[in-house]
């Protein structure tokens, strides 16, 4: 199991922990580039997004620069209904990176 796979497995375990917030906070000692990628992958399936979307987007807010690229990609995902795009957009706005106008029009 490579490092990205291990990070993904630890992220899933943290989301299922009795206290997900504390478990997610403890994960931030991992390489945040792998953690940001794992969050982006877990956010995509409907079941994970519905169950863990709030946890995942709030975790992205705390990852610094490595987490900045993931919320705009999630916001731009055409398969997501409008309601599922709100948390990634909110996270993107809070982090402050510039967004292309075409993306905002979606």
PDB file of N, CA and C in Angstrom:
ATOM      1  N   UNK A   1       0.860  -1.179   0.000  1.00  0.00           N
ATOM      2  CA  UNK A   1       0.000   0.000   0.000  1.00  0.00           C
ATOM      3  C   UNK A   1       0.898   1.231   0.000  1.00  0.00           C
ATOM      4  N   UNK A   2       0.723   2.092  -0.998  1.00  0.00           N
ATOM      5  CA  UNK A   2       1.513   3.311  -1.087  1.00  0.00           C
ATOM      6  C   UNK A   2       1.021   4.366  -0.124  1.00  0.00           C
ATOM      7  N   UNK A   3       1.789   5.430  -0.029  1.00  0.00           N
ATOM      8  CA  UNK A   3       1.420   6.488   0.910  1.00  0.00           C
ATOM      9  C   UNK A   3       0.044   7.100   0.619  1.00  0.00           C
ATOM     10  N   UNK A   4      -0.285   7.409  -0.663  1.00  0.00           N
ATOM     11  CA  UNK A   4      -1.638   7.949  -0.904  1.00  0.00           C
ATOM     12  C   UNK A   4      -2.742   6.980  -0.481  1.00  0.00           C
ATOM     13  N   UNK A   5      -2.527   5.690  -0.703  1.00  0.00           N
ATOM     14  CA  UNK A   5      -3.533   4.698  -0.294  1.00  0.00           C
ATOM     15  C   UNK A   5      -3.671   4.640   1.226  1.00  0.00           C
ATOM     16  N   UNK A   6      -2.544   4.737   1.911  1.00  0.00           N
ATOM     17  CA  UNK A   6      -2.569   4.712   3.380  1.00  0.00           C
ATOM     18  C   UNK A   6      -3.273   5.947   3.923  1.00  0.00           C
ATOM     19  N   UNK A   7      -3.017   7.096   3.316  1.00  0.00           N
ATOM     20  CA  UNK A   7      -3.683   8.335   3.752  1.00  0.00           C
ATOM     21  C   UNK A   7      -5.180   8.223   3.519  1.00  0.00           C
ATOM     22  N   UNK A   8      -5.568   7.684   2.368  1.00  0.00           N
ATOM     23  CA  UNK A   8      -6.993   7.507   2.066  1.00  0.00           C
ATOM     24  C   UNK A   8      -7.650   6.581   3.097  1.00  0.00           C
ATOM     25  N   UNK A   9      -6.977   5.511   3.459  1.00  0.00           N
ATOM     26  CA  UNK A   9      -7.518   4.572   4.450  1.00  0.00           C
ATOM     27  C   UNK A   9      -7.633   5.237   5.822  1.00  0.00           C
ATOM     28  N   UNK A  10      -6.629   6.019   6.211  1.00  0.00           N
ATOM     29  CA  UNK A  10      -6.708   6.719   7.503  1.00  0.00           C
ATOM     30  C   UNK A  10      -7.802   7.783   7.494  1.00  0.00           C
ATOM     31  N   UNK A  11      -8.014   8.433   6.342  1.00  0.00           N
ATOM     32  CA  UNK A  11      -9.081   9.425   6.239  1.00  0.00           C
ATOM     33  C   UNK A  11     -10.440   8.761   6.406  1.00  0.00           C
ATOM     34  N   UNK A  12     -10.657   7.648   5.745  1.00  0.00           N
ATOM     35  CA  UNK A  12     -11.931   6.925   5.897  1.00  0.00           C
ATOM     36  C   UNK A  12     -12.146   6.497   7.349  1.00  0.00           C
ATOM     37  N   UNK A  13     -11.097   6.019   7.992  1.00  0.00           N
ATOM     38  CA  UNK A  13     -11.208   5.607   9.393  1.00  0.00           C
ATOM     39  C   UNK A  13     -11.533   6.803  10.286  1.00  0.00           C
ATOM     40  N   UNK A  14     -10.920   7.943  10.012  1.00  0.00           N
ATOM     41  CA  UNK A  14     -11.185   9.140  10.818  1.00  0.00           C
ATOM     42  C   UNK A  14     -12.635   9.591  10.667  1.00  0.00           C
ATOM     43  N   UNK A  15     -13.167   9.509   9.456  1.00  0.00           N
ATOM     44  CA  UNK A  15     -14.555   9.910   9.230  1.00  0.00           C
ATOM     45  C   UNK A  15     -15.540   9.006   9.959  1.00  0.00           C
ATOM     46  N   UNK A  16     -15.154   7.766  10.190  1.00  0.00           N
ATOM     47  CA  UNK A  16     -16.026   6.810  10.877  1.00  0.00           C
ATOM     48  C   UNK A  16     -15.746   6.735  12.377  1.00  0.00           C
ATOM     49  N   UNK A  17     -14.814   7.521  12.860  1.00  0.00           N
ATOM     50  CA  UNK A  17     -14.455   7.491  14.282  1.00  0.00           C
ATOM     51  C   UNK A  17     -15.592   8.038  15.137  1.00  0.00           C
ATOM     52  N   UNK A  18     -15.522   7.731  16.412  1.00  0.00           N
ATOM     53  CA  UNK A  18     -16.535   8.221  17.349  1.00  0.00           C
ATOM     54  C   UNK A  18     -16.534   9.753  17.399  1.00  0.00           C
ATOM     55  N   UNK A  19     -15.347  10.357  17.317  1.00  0.00           N
ATOM     56  CA  UNK A  19     -15.200  11.812  17.293  1.00  0.00           C
ATOM     57  C   UNK A  19     -14.453  12.197  16.011  1.00  0.00           C
ATOM     58  N   UNK A  20     -15.184  12.349  14.894  1.00  0.00           N
ATOM     59  CA  UNK A  20     -14.515  12.618  13.618  1.00  0.00           C
ATOM     60  C   UNK A  20     -13.670  13.889  13.618  1.00  0.00           C
ATOM     61  N   UNK A  21     -14.111  14.925  14.309  1.00  0.00           N
ATOM     62  CA  UNK A  21     -13.355  16.189  14.284  1.00  0.00           C
ATOM     63  C   UNK A  21     -11.959  16.005  14.862  1.00  0.00           C
ATOM     64  N   UNK A  22     -11.858  15.315  15.992  1.00  0.00           N
ATOM     65  CA  UNK A  22     -10.543  15.077  16.593  1.00  0.00           C
ATOM     66  C   UNK A  22      -9.697  14.160  15.717  1.00  0.00           C
ATOM     67  N   UNK A  23     -10.320  13.142  15.151  1.00  0.00           N
ATOM     68  CA  UNK A  23      -9.590  12.209  14.292  1.00  0.00           C
ATOM     69  C   UNK A  23      -9.077  12.905  13.039  1.00  0.00           C
ATOM     70  N   UNK A  24      -9.884  13.794  12.468  1.00  0.00           N
ATOM     71  CA  UNK A  24      -9.451  14.541  11.284  1.00  0.00           C
ATOM     72  C   UNK A  24      -8.326  15.504  11.627  1.00  0.00           C
ATOM     73  N   UNK A  25      -8.418  16.125  12.781  1.00  0.00           N
ATOM     74  CA  UNK A  25      -7.355  17.039  13.210  1.00  0.00           C
ATOM     75  C   UNK A  25      -6.027  16.290  13.351  1.00  0.00           C
ATOM     76  N   UNK A  26      -6.081  15.085  13.865  1.00  0.00           N
ATOM     77  CA  UNK A  26      -4.873  14.281  14.031  1.00  0.00           C
ATOM     78  C   UNK A  26      -4.271  13.890  12.680  1.00  0.00           C
ATOM     79  N   UNK A  27      -5.096  13.813  11.649  1.00  0.00           N
ATOM     80  CA  UNK A  27      -4.610  13.442  10.318  1.00  0.00           C
ATOM     81  C   UNK A  27      -3.720  14.507   9.688  1.00  0.00           C
ATOM     82  N   UNK A  28      -3.829  15.720  10.151  1.00  0.00           N
ATOM     83  CA  UNK A  28      -3.092  16.807   9.511  1.00  0.00           C
ATOM     84  C   UNK A  28      -1.585  16.676   9.670  1.00  0.00           C
ATOM     85  N   UNK A  29      -1.126  15.662  10.412  1.00  0.00           N
ATOM     86  CA  UNK A  29       0.306  15.413  10.488  1.00  0.00           C
ATOM     87  C   UNK A  29       0.786  14.662   9.252  1.00  0.00           C
ATOM     88  N   UNK A  30      -0.157  14.086   8.465  1.00  0.00           N
ATOM     89  CA  UNK A  30       0.196  13.435   7.203  1.00  0.00           C
ATOM     90  C   UNK A  30       0.620  14.498   6.194  1.00  0.00           C
ATOM     91  N   UNK A  31       1.263  14.043   5.126  1.00  0.00           N
ATOM     92  CA  UNK A  31       1.590  14.984   4.057  1.00  0.00           C
ATOM     93  C   UNK A  31       0.282  15.539   3.529  1.00  0.00           C
ATOM     94  N   UNK A  32       0.123  16.842   3.608  1.00  0.00           N
ATOM     95  CA  UNK A  32      -1.163  17.434   3.269  1.00  0.00           C
ATOM     96  C   UNK A  32      -1.482  17.356   1.787  1.00  0.00           C
ATOM     97  N   UNK A  33      -0.482  17.198   0.907  1.00  0.00           N
ATOM     98  CA  UNK A  33      -0.813  17.056  -0.503  1.00  0.00           C
ATOM     99  C   UNK A  33      -1.537  15.728  -0.741  1.00  0.00           C
ATOM    100  N   UNK A  34      -1.116  14.665  -0.075  1.00  0.00           N
ATOM    101  CA  UNK A  34      -1.820  13.385  -0.182  1.00  0.00           C
ATOM    102  C   UNK A  34      -3.184  13.472   0.490  1.00  0.00           C
ATOM    103  N   UNK A  35      -3.262  14.171   1.591  1.00  0.00           N
ATOM    104  CA  UNK A  35      -4.531  14.305   2.309  1.00  0.00           C
ATOM    105  C   UNK A  35      -5.538  15.092   1.470  1.00  0.00           C
ATOM    106  N   UNK A  36      -5.095  16.169   0.847  1.00  0.00           N
ATOM    107  CA  UNK A  36      -5.990  16.955  -0.003  1.00  0.00           C
ATOM    108  C   UNK A  36      -6.498  16.111  -1.166  1.00  0.00           C
ATOM    109  N   UNK A  37      -5.634  15.332  -1.769  1.00  0.00           N
ATOM    110  CA  UNK A  37      -6.052  14.458  -2.866  1.00  0.00           C
ATOM    111  C   UNK A  37      -7.044  13.408  -2.413  1.00  0.00           C
ATOM    112  N   UNK A  38      -6.820  12.852  -1.231  1.00  0.00           N
ATOM    113  CA  UNK A  38      -7.739  11.845  -0.687  1.00  0.00           C
ATOM    114  C   UNK A  38      -9.105  12.457  -0.404  1.00  0.00           C
ATOM    115  N   UNK A  39      -9.120  13.673   0.095  1.00  0.00           N
ATOM    116  CA  UNK A  39     -10.394  14.356   0.348  1.00  0.00           C
ATOM    117  C   UNK A  39     -11.147  14.542  -0.965  1.00  0.00           C
ATOM    118  N   UNK A  40     -10.448  14.986  -2.000  1.00  0.00           N
ATOM    119  CA  UNK A  40     -11.080  15.172  -3.300  1.00  0.00           C
ATOM    120  C   UNK A  40     -11.665  13.886  -3.857  1.00  0.00           C
ATOM    121  N   UNK A  41     -10.945  12.779  -3.678  1.00  0.00           N
ATOM    122  CA  UNK A  41     -11.447  11.484  -4.155  1.00  0.00           C
ATOM    123  C   UNK A  41     -12.663  11.018  -3.365  1.00  0.00           C
ATOM    124  N   UNK A  42     -12.632  11.193  -2.053  1.00  0.00           N
ATOM    125  CA  UNK A  42     -13.754  10.737  -1.225  1.00  0.00           C
ATOM    126  C   UNK A  42     -14.995  11.602  -1.407  1.00  0.00           C
ATOM    127  N   UNK A  43     -14.805  12.850  -1.790  1.00  0.00           N
ATOM    128  CA  UNK A  43     -15.950  13.748  -1.952  1.00  0.00           C
ATOM    129  C   UNK A  43     -16.776  13.379  -3.185  1.00  0.00           C
ATOM    130  N   UNK A  44     -16.173  12.739  -4.147  1.00  0.00           N
ATOM    131  CA  UNK A  44     -16.850  12.488  -5.416  1.00  0.00           C
ATOM    132  C   UNK A  44     -18.020  11.506  -5.357  1.00  0.00           C
ATOM    133  N   UNK A  45     -17.918  10.364  -4.673  1.00  0.00           N
ATOM    134  CA  UNK A  45     -19.070   9.456  -4.640  1.00  0.00           C
ATOM    135  C   UNK A  45     -20.242  10.062  -3.855  1.00  0.00           C
ATOM    136  N   UNK A  46     -21.442   9.824  -4.346  1.00  0.00           N
ATOM    137  CA  UNK A  46     -22.638  10.378  -3.696  1.00  0.00           C
ATOM    138  C   UNK A  46     -22.720  10.022  -2.220  1.00  0.00           C
ATOM    139  N   UNK A  47     -22.456   8.770  -1.891  1.00  0.00           N
ATOM    140  CA  UNK A  47     -22.623   8.343  -0.501  1.00  0.00           C
ATOM    141  C   UNK A  47     -21.638   9.066   0.415  1.00  0.00           C
ATOM    142  N   UNK A  48     -20.396   9.223  -0.013  1.00  0.00           N
ATOM    143  CA  UNK A  48     -19.410   9.914   0.813  1.00  0.00           C
ATOM    144  C   UNK A  48     -19.717  11.401   0.912  1.00  0.00           C
ATOM    145  N   UNK A  49     -20.141  12.003  -0.189  1.00  0.00           N
ATOM    146  CA  UNK A  49     -20.438  13.431  -0.193  1.00  0.00           C
ATOM    147  C   UNK A  49     -21.608  13.747   0.741  1.00  0.00           C
ATOM    148  N   UNK A  50     -22.641  12.927   0.693  1.00  0.00           N
ATOM    149  CA  UNK A  50     -23.814  13.154   1.540  1.00  0.00           C
ATOM    150  C   UNK A  50     -23.458  12.944   3.006  1.00  0.00           C
ATOM    151  N   UNK A  51     -22.747  11.873   3.298  1.00  0.00           N
ATOM    152  CA  UNK A  51     -22.448  11.529   4.687  1.00  0.00           C
ATOM    153  C   UNK A  51     -21.333  12.382   5.286  1.00  0.00           C
ATOM    154  N   UNK A  52     -20.327  12.710   4.486  1.00  0.00           N
ATOM    155  CA  UNK A  52     -19.124  13.327   5.040  1.00  0.00           C
ATOM    156  C   UNK A  52     -18.758  14.675   4.422  1.00  0.00           C
ATOM    157  N   UNK A  53     -19.594  15.199   3.542  1.00  0.00           N
ATOM    158  CA  UNK A  53     -19.251  16.424   2.820  1.00  0.00           C
ATOM    159  C   UNK A  53     -18.828  17.571   3.713  1.00  0.00           C
ATOM    160  N   UNK A  54     -19.543  17.799   4.799  1.00  0.00           N
ATOM    161  CA  UNK A  54     -19.210  18.899   5.713  1.00  0.00           C
ATOM    162  C   UNK A  54     -17.834  18.680   6.325  1.00  0.00           C
ATOM    163  N   UNK A  55     -17.557  17.452   6.752  1.00  0.00           N
ATOM    164  CA  UNK A  55     -16.247  17.153   7.336  1.00  0.00           C
ATOM    165  C   UNK A  55     -15.135  17.377   6.310  1.00  0.00           C
ATOM    166  N   UNK A  56     -15.371  16.889   5.101  1.00  0.00           N
ATOM    167  CA  UNK A  56     -14.336  16.954   4.077  1.00  0.00           C
ATOM    168  C   UNK A  56     -14.033  18.392   3.664  1.00  0.00           C
ATOM    169  N   UNK A  57     -15.065  19.191   3.450  1.00  0.00           N
ATOM    170  CA  UNK A  57     -14.806  20.576   3.025  1.00  0.00           C
ATOM    171  C   UNK A  57     -14.184  21.384   4.153  1.00  0.00           C
ATOM    172  N   UNK A  58     -14.594  21.158   5.384  1.00  0.00           N
ATOM    173  CA  UNK A  58     -13.969  21.891   6.489  1.00  0.00           C
ATOM    174  C   UNK A  58     -12.519  21.469   6.694  1.00  0.00           C
ATOM    175  N   UNK A  59     -12.212  20.196   6.457  1.00  0.00           N
ATOM    176  CA  UNK A  59     -10.828  19.751   6.538  1.00  0.00           C
ATOM    177  C   UNK A  59      -9.995  20.445   5.467  1.00  0.00           C
ATOM    178  N   UNK A  60     -10.526  20.585   4.267  1.00  0.00           N
ATOM    179  CA  UNK A  60      -9.795  21.263   3.200  1.00  0.00           C
ATOM    180  C   UNK A  60      -9.439  22.698   3.574  1.00  0.00           C
ATOM    181  N   UNK A  61     -10.312  23.357   4.317  1.00  0.00           N
ATOM    182  CA  UNK A  61     -10.047  24.744   4.728  1.00  0.00           C
ATOM    183  C   UNK A  61      -8.804  24.857   5.590  1.00  0.00           C
ATOM    184  N   UNK A  62      -8.446  23.787   6.273  1.00  0.00           N
ATOM    185  CA  UNK A  62      -7.341  23.846   7.221  1.00  0.00           C
ATOM    186  C   UNK A  62      -6.018  23.353   6.645  1.00  0.00           C
ATOM    187  N   UNK A  63      -6.004  22.911   5.398  1.00  0.00           N
ATOM    188  CA  UNK A  63      -4.811  22.287   4.843  1.00  0.00           C
ATOM    189  C   UNK A  63      -3.824  23.256   4.198  1.00  0.00           C
ATOM    190  N   UNK A  64      -4.141  24.519   4.173  1.00  0.00           N
ATOM    191  CA  UNK A  64      -3.216  25.469   3.568  1.00  0.00           C
ATOM    192  C   UNK A  64      -3.218  25.359   2.054  1.00  0.00           C
ATOM    193  N   UNK A  65      -2.087  25.675   1.451  1.00  0.00           N
ATOM    194  CA  UNK A  65      -2.000  25.732  -0.008  1.00  0.00           C
ATOM    195  C   UNK A  65      -2.303  24.410  -0.684  1.00  0.00           C
ATOM    196  N   UNK A  66      -1.948  23.310  -0.065  1.00  0.00           N
ATOM    197  CA  UNK A  66      -2.199  22.007  -0.703  1.00  0.00           C
ATOM    198  C   UNK A  66      -3.692  21.748  -0.857  1.00  0.00           C
ATOM    199  N   UNK A  67      -4.520  22.349  -0.025  1.00  0.00           N
ATOM    200  CA  UNK A  67      -5.958  22.164  -0.117  1.00  0.00           C
ATOM    201  C   UNK A  67      -6.658  23.168  -1.009  1.00  0.00           C
ATOM    202  N   UNK A  68      -5.927  24.179  -1.495  1.00  0.00           N
ATOM    203  CA  UNK A  68      -6.555  25.232  -2.288  1.00  0.00           C
ATOM    204  C   UNK A  68      -7.069  24.773  -3.652  1.00  0.00           C
ATOM    205  N   UNK A  69      -6.428  23.805  -4.266  1.00  0.00           N
ATOM    206  CA  UNK A  69      -6.809  23.394  -5.618  1.00  0.00           C
ATOM    207  C   UNK A  69      -8.016  22.465  -5.643  1.00  0.00           C
ATOM    208  N   UNK A  70      -8.302  21.793  -4.547  1.00  0.00           N
ATOM    209  CA  UNK A  70      -9.356  20.775  -4.550  1.00  0.00           C
ATOM    210  C   UNK A  70     -10.770  21.381  -4.580  1.00  0.00           C
ATOM    211  N   UNK A  71     -11.128  22.343  -3.724  1.00  0.00           N
ATOM    212  CA  UNK A  71     -12.509  22.850  -3.759  1.00  0.00           C
ATOM    213  C   UNK A  71     -12.937  23.436  -5.101  1.00  0.00           C
ATOM    214  N   UNK A  72     -12.090  24.190  -5.823  1.00  0.00           N
ATOM    215  CA  UNK A  72     -12.548  24.661  -7.137  1.00  0.00           C
ATOM    216  C   UNK A  72     -12.825  23.514  -8.112  1.00  0.00           C
ATOM    217  N   UNK A  73     -12.025  22.448  -8.032  1.00  0.00           N
ATOM    218  CA  UNK A  73     -12.287  21.286  -8.903  1.00  0.00           C
ATOM    219  C   UNK A  73     -13.617  20.631  -8.535  1.00  0.00           C
ATOM    220  N   UNK A  74     -13.892  20.542  -7.248  1.00  0.00           N
ATOM    221  CA  UNK A  74     -15.161  19.947  -6.815  1.00  0.00           C
ATOM    222  C   UNK A  74     -16.331  20.841  -7.210  1.00  0.00           C
ATOM    223  N   UNK A  75     -16.144  22.152  -7.089  1.00  0.00           N
ATOM    224  CA  UNK A  75     -17.192  23.094  -7.465  1.00  0.00           C
ATOM    225  C   UNK A  75     -17.488  23.006  -8.958  1.00  0.00           C
ATOM    226  N   UNK A  76     -16.471  22.758  -9.752  1.00  0.00           N
ATOM    227  CA  UNK A  76     -16.634  22.705 -11.204  1.00  0.00           C
ATOM    228  C   UNK A  76     -17.158  21.365 -11.697  1.00  0.00           C
ATOM    229  N   UNK A  77     -17.261  20.377 -10.833  1.00  0.00           N
ATOM    230  CA  UNK A  77     -17.682  19.030 -11.229  1.00  0.00           C
ATOM    231  C   UNK A  77     -19.096  19.076 -11.812  1.00  0.00           C
ATOM    232  N   UNK A  78     -19.251  18.807 -13.112  1.00  0.00           N
ATOM    233  CA  UNK A  78     -20.579  18.923 -13.739  1.00  0.00           C
ATOM    234  C   UNK A  78     -21.579  17.878 -13.258  1.00  0.00           C
ATOM    235  N   UNK A  79     -21.102  16.781 -12.703  1.00  0.00           N
ATOM    236  CA  UNK A  79     -22.024  15.728 -12.254  1.00  0.00           C
ATOM    237  C   UNK A  79     -22.726  16.084 -10.943  1.00  0.00           C
ATOM    238  N   UNK A  80     -22.202  17.082 -10.217  1.00  0.00           N
ATOM    239  CA  UNK A  80     -22.798  17.439  -8.933  1.00  0.00           C
ATOM    240  C   UNK A  80     -24.001  18.361  -9.131  1.00  0.00           C
ATOM    241  N   UNK A  81     -25.104  18.088  -8.428  1.00  0.00           N
ATOM    242  CA  UNK A  81     -26.221  19.039  -8.447  1.00  0.00           C
ATOM    243  C   UNK A  81     -25.801  20.349  -7.772  1.00  0.00           C
ATOM    244  N   UNK A  82     -26.536  21.399  -8.040  1.00  0.00           N
ATOM    245  CA  UNK A  82     -26.184  22.724  -7.517  1.00  0.00           C
ATOM    246  C   UNK A  82     -26.015  22.725  -5.999  1.00  0.00           C
ATOM    247  N   UNK A  83     -26.874  22.026  -5.285  1.00  0.00           N
ATOM    248  CA  UNK A  83     -26.784  21.998  -3.823  1.00  0.00           C
ATOM    249  C   UNK A  83     -25.493  21.385  -3.314  1.00  0.00           C
ATOM    250  N   UNK A  84     -24.947  20.432  -4.070  1.00  0.00           N
ATOM    251  CA  UNK A  84     -23.703  19.780  -3.668  1.00  0.00           C
ATOM    252  C   UNK A  84     -22.479  20.618  -3.975  1.00  0.00           C
ATOM    253  N   UNK A  85     -22.661  21.698  -4.690  1.00  0.00           N
ATOM    254  CA  UNK A  85     -21.541  22.589  -5.026  1.00  0.00           C
ATOM    255  C   UNK A  85     -21.363  23.708  -4.008  1.00  0.00           C
ATOM    256  N   UNK A  86     -22.317  23.885  -3.125  1.00  0.00           N
ATOM    257  CA  UNK A  86     -22.267  25.009  -2.192  1.00  0.00           C
ATOM    258  C   UNK A  86     -21.093  24.935  -1.222  1.00  0.00           C
ATOM    259  N   UNK A  87     -20.865  23.785  -0.604  1.00  0.00           N
ATOM    260  CA  UNK A  87     -19.760  23.661   0.351  1.00  0.00           C
ATOM    261  C   UNK A  87     -18.398  23.864  -0.312  1.00  0.00           C
ATOM    262  N   UNK A  88     -18.143  23.242  -1.484  1.00  0.00           N
ATOM    263  CA  UNK A  88     -16.851  23.530  -2.124  1.00  0.00           C
ATOM    264  C   UNK A  88     -16.682  25.001  -2.504  1.00  0.00           C
ATOM    265  N   UNK A  89     -17.750  25.649  -2.959  1.00  0.00           N
ATOM    266  CA  UNK A  89     -17.645  27.073  -3.290  1.00  0.00           C
ATOM    267  C   UNK A  89     -17.368  27.896  -2.040  1.00  0.00           C
ATOM    268  N   UNK A  90     -18.087  27.615  -0.970  1.00  0.00           N
ATOM    269  CA  UNK A  90     -17.887  28.330   0.292  1.00  0.00           C
ATOM    270  C   UNK A  90     -16.443  28.156   0.779  1.00  0.00           C
ATOM    271  N   UNK A  91     -15.931  26.947   0.665  1.00  0.00           N
ATOM    272  CA  UNK A  91     -14.558  26.661   1.075  1.00  0.00           C
ATOM    273  C   UNK A  91     -13.570  27.418   0.197  1.00  0.00           C
ATOM    274  N   UNK A  92     -13.822  27.446  -1.098  1.00  0.00           N
ATOM    275  CA  UNK A  92     -12.949  28.165  -2.019  1.00  0.00           C
ATOM    276  C   UNK A  92     -12.917  29.648  -1.686  1.00  0.00           C
ATOM    277  N   UNK A  93     -14.071  30.215  -1.444  1.00  0.00           N
ATOM    278  CA  UNK A  93     -14.149  31.652  -1.141  1.00  0.00           C
ATOM    279  C   UNK A  93     -13.411  31.966   0.155  1.00  0.00           C
ATOM    280  N   UNK A  94     -13.544  31.123   1.145  1.00  0.00           N
ATOM    281  CA  UNK A  94     -12.846  31.357   2.420  1.00  0.00           C
ATOM    282  C   UNK A  94     -11.334  31.271   2.279  1.00  0.00           C
ATOM    283  N   UNK A  95     -10.855  30.393   1.396  1.00  0.00           N
ATOM    284  CA  UNK A  95      -9.413  30.258   1.197  1.00  0.00           C
ATOM    285  C   UNK A  95      -8.872  31.416   0.362  1.00  0.00           C
ATOM    286  N   UNK A  96      -9.698  31.998  -0.498  1.00  0.00           N
ATOM    287  CA  UNK A  96      -9.331  33.209  -1.214  1.00  0.00           C
ATOM    288  C   UNK A  96      -8.625  33.106  -2.546  1.00  0.00           C
ATOM    289  N   UNK A  97      -8.471  31.930  -3.167  1.00  0.00           N
ATOM    290  CA  UNK A  97      -7.814  31.939  -4.475  1.00  0.00           C
ATOM    291  C   UNK A  97      -8.720  32.568  -5.539  1.00  0.00           C
ATOM    292  N   UNK A  98      -8.110  33.071  -6.581  1.00  0.00           N
ATOM    293  CA  UNK A  98      -8.882  33.655  -7.678  1.00  0.00           C
ATOM    294  C   UNK A  98      -9.553  32.539  -8.473  1.00  0.00           C
ATOM    295  N   UNK A  99     -10.768  32.802  -8.899  1.00  0.00           N
ATOM    296  CA  UNK A  99     -11.519  31.831  -9.692  1.00  0.00           C
ATOM    297  C   UNK A  99     -11.813  32.419 -11.064  1.00  0.00           C
ATOM    298  N   UNK A 100     -11.732  31.604 -12.100  1.00  0.00           N
ATOM    299  CA  UNK A 100     -12.086  32.089 -13.442  1.00  0.00           C
ATOM    300  C   UNK A 100     -13.570  32.469 -13.489  1.00  0.00           C
ATOM    301  N   UNK A 101     -13.872  33.517 -14.209  1.00  0.00           N
ATOM    302  CA  UNK A 101     -15.260  33.985 -14.322  1.00  0.00           C
ATOM    303  C   UNK A 101     -16.156  32.894 -14.900  1.00  0.00           C
ATOM    304  N   UNK A 102     -15.657  32.136 -15.878  1.00  0.00           N
ATOM    305  CA  UNK A 102     -16.476  31.072 -16.476  1.00  0.00           C
ATOM    306  C   UNK A 102     -16.894  30.038 -15.445  1.00  0.00           C
ATOM    307  N   UNK A 103     -16.017  29.755 -14.501  1.00  0.00           N
ATOM    308  CA  UNK A 103     -16.343  28.802 -13.439  1.00  0.00           C
ATOM    309  C   UNK A 103     -17.448  29.361 -12.550  1.00  0.00           C
ATOM    310  N   UNK A 104     -17.372  30.626 -12.229  1.00  0.00           N
ATOM    311  CA  UNK A 104     -18.393  31.234 -11.374  1.00  0.00           C
ATOM    312  C   UNK A 104     -19.753  31.292 -12.050  1.00  0.00           C
ATOM    313  N   UNK A 105     -19.780  31.397 -13.351  1.00  0.00           N
ATOM    314  CA  UNK A 105     -21.056  31.438 -14.067  1.00  0.00           C
ATOM    315  C   UNK A 105     -21.790  30.111 -14.013  1.00  0.00           C
ATOM    316  N   UNK A 106     -21.056  29.028 -13.747  1.00  0.00           N
ATOM    317  CA  UNK A 106     -21.709  27.717 -13.686  1.00  0.00           C
ATOM    318  C   UNK A 106     -22.611  27.681 -12.490  1.00  0.00           C
TER     319      UNK A 106
END
